[in-house]
Amino acid sequence: MALKIIDHGTKEYFQMVNLRNEILRKPLGLDFDTAELDREKDDVLIGAFEEDKLIGCCLITRMDSNTCRLRQMAVPSKLQHKGIGASLVSFAENVARDLGYKTMSMHARKTAIGFYEKFGYHVSGDEFEEVTIPHYIMLKRLR
């Protein structure tokens, strides 16, 4: 498996949009809009590849000079529990550290809390609804 940063607007980026749409949006009856995808031009786009096939992805969005947000983590269900998500989290944290961020935050789906806790993230605040499902803010200090 190869992990790499993807350029916005490339073939790999559209693979990423399709994967995120299939896993994160369609099951909720949602889709991406053009404005939302345009805002990703300044994000760090990360993909996990098996040869040329995208098998997982996530994004890093700048919040402020010290904090970034991990977003849109997606791994197909048939490939989960194989270390792809763990590799993406670790890679994203290293990229964030290299960019000078001190804290990684996220809006984690309630069903994913246990996954992120394994990597040292902790819940901060109360449950809230986003994209029609329960979420929590989770934080981790990057060392």
C-alpha atoms as a PDB file:
ATOM      1  CA  MET A   1       0.000   0.000   0.000  1.00  0.00           C
ATOM      2  CA  ALA A   2       1.296   3.441  -0.926  1.00  0.00           C
ATOM      3  CA  LEU A   3       0.215   6.618   0.862  1.00  0.00           C
ATOM      4  CA  LYS A   4       0.517   9.912  -0.957  1.00  0.00           C
ATOM      5  CA  ILE A   5      -0.700  13.468  -1.169  1.00  0.00           C
ATOM      6  CA  ILE A   6      -3.084  13.973  -4.072  1.00  0.00           C
ATOM      7  CA  ASP A   7      -3.393  17.117  -6.173  1.00  0.00           C
ATOM      8  CA  HIS A   8      -6.846  18.702  -6.437  1.00  0.00           C
ATOM      9  CA  GLY A   9      -8.529  18.174  -9.800  1.00  0.00           C
ATOM     10  CA  THR A  10      -6.459  15.147 -10.861  1.00  0.00           C
ATOM     11  CA  LYS A  11      -7.644  11.651 -11.784  1.00  0.00           C
ATOM     12  CA  GLU A  12      -6.706  10.507  -8.256  1.00  0.00           C
ATOM     13  CA  TYR A  13      -8.722  13.362  -6.753  1.00  0.00           C
ATOM     14  CA  PHE A  14     -11.849  12.292  -8.636  1.00  0.00           C
ATOM     15  CA  GLN A  15     -11.296   8.711  -7.439  1.00  0.00           C
ATOM     16  CA  MET A  16     -11.222  10.199  -3.932  1.00  0.00           C
ATOM     17  CA  VAL A  17     -14.455  12.159  -4.460  1.00  0.00           C
ATOM     18  CA  ASN A  18     -16.158   9.005  -5.786  1.00  0.00           C
ATOM     19  CA  LEU A  19     -14.963   6.901  -2.841  1.00  0.00           C
ATOM     20  CA  ARG A  20     -16.079   9.502  -0.281  1.00  0.00           C
ATOM     21  CA  ASN A  21     -19.417   9.874  -2.044  1.00  0.00           C
ATOM     22  CA  GLU A  22     -20.056   6.102  -2.024  1.00  0.00           C
ATOM     23  CA  ILE A  23     -19.036   5.584   1.615  1.00  0.00           C
ATOM     24  CA  LEU A  24     -19.887   8.828   3.398  1.00  0.00           C
ATOM     25  CA  ARG A  25     -22.628  10.563   1.420  1.00  0.00           C
ATOM     26  CA  LYS A  26     -24.842   8.216  -0.612  1.00  0.00           C
ATOM     27  CA  PRO A  27     -25.848   6.068   2.402  1.00  0.00           C
ATOM     28  CA  LEU A  28     -27.234   9.262   3.975  1.00  0.00           C
ATOM     29  CA  GLY A  29     -29.002  10.390   0.796  1.00  0.00           C
ATOM     30  CA  LEU A  30     -26.476  13.203   0.317  1.00  0.00           C
ATOM     31  CA  ASP A  31     -24.094  14.284  -2.438  1.00  0.00           C
ATOM     32  CA  PHE A  32     -21.267  16.772  -2.861  1.00  0.00           C
ATOM     33  CA  ASP A  33     -21.862  20.147  -4.455  1.00  0.00           C
ATOM     34  CA  THR A  34     -19.353  21.981  -6.633  1.00  0.00           C
ATOM     35  CA  ALA A  35     -18.744  24.775  -4.105  1.00  0.00           C
ATOM     36  CA  GLU A  36     -17.887  22.236  -1.408  1.00  0.00           C
ATOM     37  CA  LEU A  37     -15.369  20.496  -3.660  1.00  0.00           C
ATOM     38  CA  ASP A  38     -13.871  23.841  -4.756  1.00  0.00           C
ATOM     39  CA  ARG A  39     -13.145  24.674  -1.102  1.00  0.00           C
ATOM     40  CA  GLU A  40     -10.904  21.604  -0.931  1.00  0.00           C
ATOM     41  CA  LYS A  41      -8.299  23.237  -3.171  1.00  0.00           C
ATOM     42  CA  ASP A  42      -6.399  24.428  -0.087  1.00  0.00           C
ATOM     43  CA  ASP A  43      -6.730  21.143   1.823  1.00  0.00           C
ATOM     44  CA  VAL A  44      -4.109  18.414   2.039  1.00  0.00           C
ATOM     45  CA  LEU A  45      -5.679  15.478   0.186  1.00  0.00           C
ATOM     46  CA  ILE A  46      -4.331  12.064   1.201  1.00  0.00           C
ATOM     47  CA  GLY A  47      -4.893   8.748  -0.535  1.00  0.00           C
ATOM     48  CA  ALA A  48      -3.983   5.132   0.134  1.00  0.00           C
ATOM     49  CA  PHE A  49      -3.385   3.191  -3.053  1.00  0.00           C
ATOM     50  CA  GLU A  50      -2.984  -0.440  -4.027  1.00  0.00           C
ATOM     51  CA  GLU A  51      -1.246   0.006  -7.381  1.00  0.00           C
ATOM     52  CA  ASP A  52      -3.460   2.620  -9.130  1.00  0.00           C
ATOM     53  CA  LYS A  53      -6.629   1.856  -7.151  1.00  0.00           C
ATOM     54  CA  LEU A  54      -7.614   4.186  -4.316  1.00  0.00           C
ATOM     55  CA  ILE A  55      -8.415   2.078  -1.222  1.00  0.00           C
ATOM     56  CA  GLY A  56      -8.784   4.831   1.374  1.00  0.00           C
ATOM     57  CA  CYS A  57      -8.546   8.574   1.853  1.00  0.00           C
ATOM     58  CA  CYS A  58      -8.782  11.556   4.166  1.00  0.00           C
ATOM     59  CA  LEU A  59      -8.281  15.328   4.097  1.00  0.00           C
ATOM     60  CA  ILE A  60      -6.545  17.826   6.334  1.00  0.00           C
ATOM     61  CA  THR A  61      -8.114  21.280   6.561  1.00  0.00           C
ATOM     62  CA  ARG A  62      -6.412  24.267   8.198  1.00  0.00           C
ATOM     63  CA  MET A  63      -8.415  25.689  11.093  1.00  0.00           C
ATOM     64  CA  ASP A  64      -5.811  28.185  12.355  1.00  0.00           C
ATOM     65  CA  SER A  65      -2.021  28.373  12.632  1.00  0.00           C
ATOM     66  CA  ASN A  66      -1.937  25.688  15.361  1.00  0.00           C
ATOM     67  CA  THR A  67      -4.907  23.468  14.555  1.00  0.00           C
ATOM     68  CA  CYS A  68      -5.967  21.406  11.577  1.00  0.00           C
ATOM     69  CA  ARG A  69      -8.975  19.177  11.086  1.00  0.00           C
ATOM     70  CA  LEU A  70      -8.943  15.594   9.849  1.00  0.00           C
ATOM     71  CA  ARG A  71     -11.948  15.125   7.572  1.00  0.00           C
ATOM     72  CA  GLN A  72     -13.614  12.729   5.177  1.00  0.00           C
ATOM     73  CA  MET A  73     -11.849   9.549   6.318  1.00  0.00           C
ATOM     74  CA  ALA A  74     -13.109   6.777   4.054  1.00  0.00           C
ATOM     75  CA  VAL A  75     -12.157   3.126   3.625  1.00  0.00           C
ATOM     76  CA  PRO A  76     -14.510   0.663   1.881  1.00  0.00           C
ATOM     77  CA  SER A  77     -16.193  -1.637   4.426  1.00  0.00           C
ATOM     78  CA  LYS A  78     -14.774  -4.768   2.768  1.00  0.00           C
ATOM     79  CA  LEU A  79     -11.238  -3.368   3.334  1.00  0.00           C
ATOM     80  CA  GLN A  80     -11.714  -2.206   6.922  1.00  0.00           C
ATOM     81  CA  HIS A  81      -9.773  -3.888   9.743  1.00  0.00           C
ATOM     82  CA  LYS A  82      -6.733  -4.286   7.482  1.00  0.00           C
ATOM     83  CA  GLY A  83      -4.737  -1.301   8.775  1.00  0.00           C
ATOM     84  CA  ILE A  84      -5.615   1.127   5.976  1.00  0.00           C
ATOM     85  CA  GLY A  85      -7.408   3.592   8.276  1.00  0.00           C
ATOM     86  CA  ALA A  86      -4.631   3.357  10.876  1.00  0.00           C
ATOM     87  CA  SER A  87      -2.032   4.076   8.192  1.00  0.00           C
ATOM     88  CA  LEU A  88      -4.031   7.061   6.937  1.00  0.00           C
ATOM     89  CA  VAL A  89      -4.341   8.527  10.452  1.00  0.00           C
ATOM     90  CA  SER A  90      -0.621   8.105  11.123  1.00  0.00           C
ATOM     91  CA  PHE A  91       0.349   9.584   7.749  1.00  0.00           C
ATOM     92  CA  ALA A  92      -2.056  12.533   8.214  1.00  0.00           C
ATOM     93  CA  GLU A  93      -0.639  13.243  11.674  1.00  0.00           C
ATOM     94  CA  ASN A  94       2.924  13.227  10.310  1.00  0.00           C
ATOM     95  CA  VAL A  95       1.959  15.581   7.476  1.00  0.00           C
ATOM     96  CA  ALA A  96       0.199  17.885   9.954  1.00  0.00           C
ATOM     97  CA  ARG A  97       3.274  17.945  12.229  1.00  0.00           C
ATOM     98  CA  ASP A  98       5.509  18.698   9.244  1.00  0.00           C
ATOM     99  CA  LEU A  99       3.222  21.638   8.411  1.00  0.00           C
ATOM    100  CA  GLY A 100       3.647  22.971  11.965  1.00  0.00           C
ATOM    101  CA  TYR A 101       0.261  22.102  13.427  1.00  0.00           C
ATOM    102  CA  LYS A 102       0.124  21.374  17.158  1.00  0.00           C
ATOM    103  CA  THR A 103      -3.406  19.934  17.378  1.00  0.00           C
ATOM    104  CA  MET A 104      -5.526  17.702  15.144  1.00  0.00           C
ATOM    105  CA  SER A 105      -9.290  17.978  15.529  1.00  0.00           C
ATOM    106  CA  MET A 106     -12.153  16.181  13.832  1.00  0.00           C
ATOM    107  CA  HIS A 107     -15.900  15.761  13.774  1.00  0.00           C
ATOM    108  CA  ALA A 108     -16.051  12.007  14.354  1.00  0.00           C
ATOM    109  CA  ARG A 109     -19.147   9.961  13.713  1.00  0.00           C
ATOM    110  CA  LYS A 110     -20.393   8.428  16.943  1.00  0.00           C
ATOM    111  CA  THR A 111     -19.784   4.966  15.464  1.00  0.00           C
ATOM    112  CA  ALA A 112     -16.079   5.794  14.905  1.00  0.00           C
ATOM    113  CA  ILE A 113     -15.212   7.106  18.390  1.00  0.00           C
ATOM    114  CA  GLY A 114     -13.551   3.837  19.466  1.00  0.00           C
ATOM    115  CA  PHE A 115     -11.402   3.754  16.326  1.00  0.00           C
ATOM    116  CA  TYR A 116      -9.966   7.228  16.959  1.00  0.00           C
ATOM    117  CA  GLU A 117      -9.530   6.681  20.699  1.00  0.00           C
ATOM    118  CA  LYS A 118      -7.012   3.933  19.835  1.00  0.00           C
ATOM    119  CA  PHE A 119      -4.795   6.655  18.353  1.00  0.00           C
ATOM    120  CA  GLY A 120      -4.981   8.975  21.340  1.00  0.00           C
ATOM    121  CA  TYR A 121      -7.910  11.188  20.313  1.00  0.00           C
ATOM    122  CA  HIS A 122     -10.350  12.229  23.018  1.00  0.00           C
ATOM    123  CA  VAL A 123     -13.915  13.501  22.883  1.00  0.00           C
ATOM    124  CA  SER A 124     -14.286  17.212  23.552  1.00  0.00           C
ATOM    125  CA  GLY A 125     -17.805  18.440  24.188  1.00  0.00           C
ATOM    126  CA  ASP A 126     -21.284  17.117  23.673  1.00  0.00           C
ATOM    127  CA  GLU A 127     -22.789  15.084  20.876  1.00  0.00           C
ATOM    128  CA  PHE A 128     -24.099  17.075  17.900  1.00  0.00           C
ATOM    129  CA  GLU A 129     -25.757  16.250  14.610  1.00  0.00           C
ATOM    130  CA  GLU A 130     -23.949  16.721  11.302  1.00  0.00           C
ATOM    131  CA  VAL A 131     -24.996  15.319   7.919  1.00  0.00           C
ATOM    132  CA  THR A 132     -28.038  13.823   9.686  1.00  0.00           C
ATOM    133  CA  ILE A 133     -26.062  11.609  12.148  1.00  0.00           C
ATOM    134  CA  PRO A 134     -24.505  11.960  15.640  1.00  0.00           C
ATOM    135  CA  HIS A 135     -20.936  13.292  15.844  1.00  0.00           C
ATOM    136  CA  TYR A 136     -18.437  14.369  18.491  1.00  0.00           C
ATOM    137  CA  ILE A 137     -15.508  16.749  18.292  1.00  0.00           C
ATOM    138  CA  MET A 138     -12.337  14.795  18.964  1.00  0.00           C
ATOM    139  CA  LEU A 139      -8.895  16.272  19.598  1.00  0.00           C
ATOM    140  CA  LYS A 140      -5.307  15.122  19.772  1.00  0.00           C
ATOM    141  CA  ARG A 141      -2.211  17.087  20.655  1.00  0.00           C
ATOM    142  CA  LEU A 142       0.448  16.345  18.026  1.00  0.00           C
ATOM    143  CA  ARG A 143       3.914  15.808  19.479  1.00  0.00           C
END
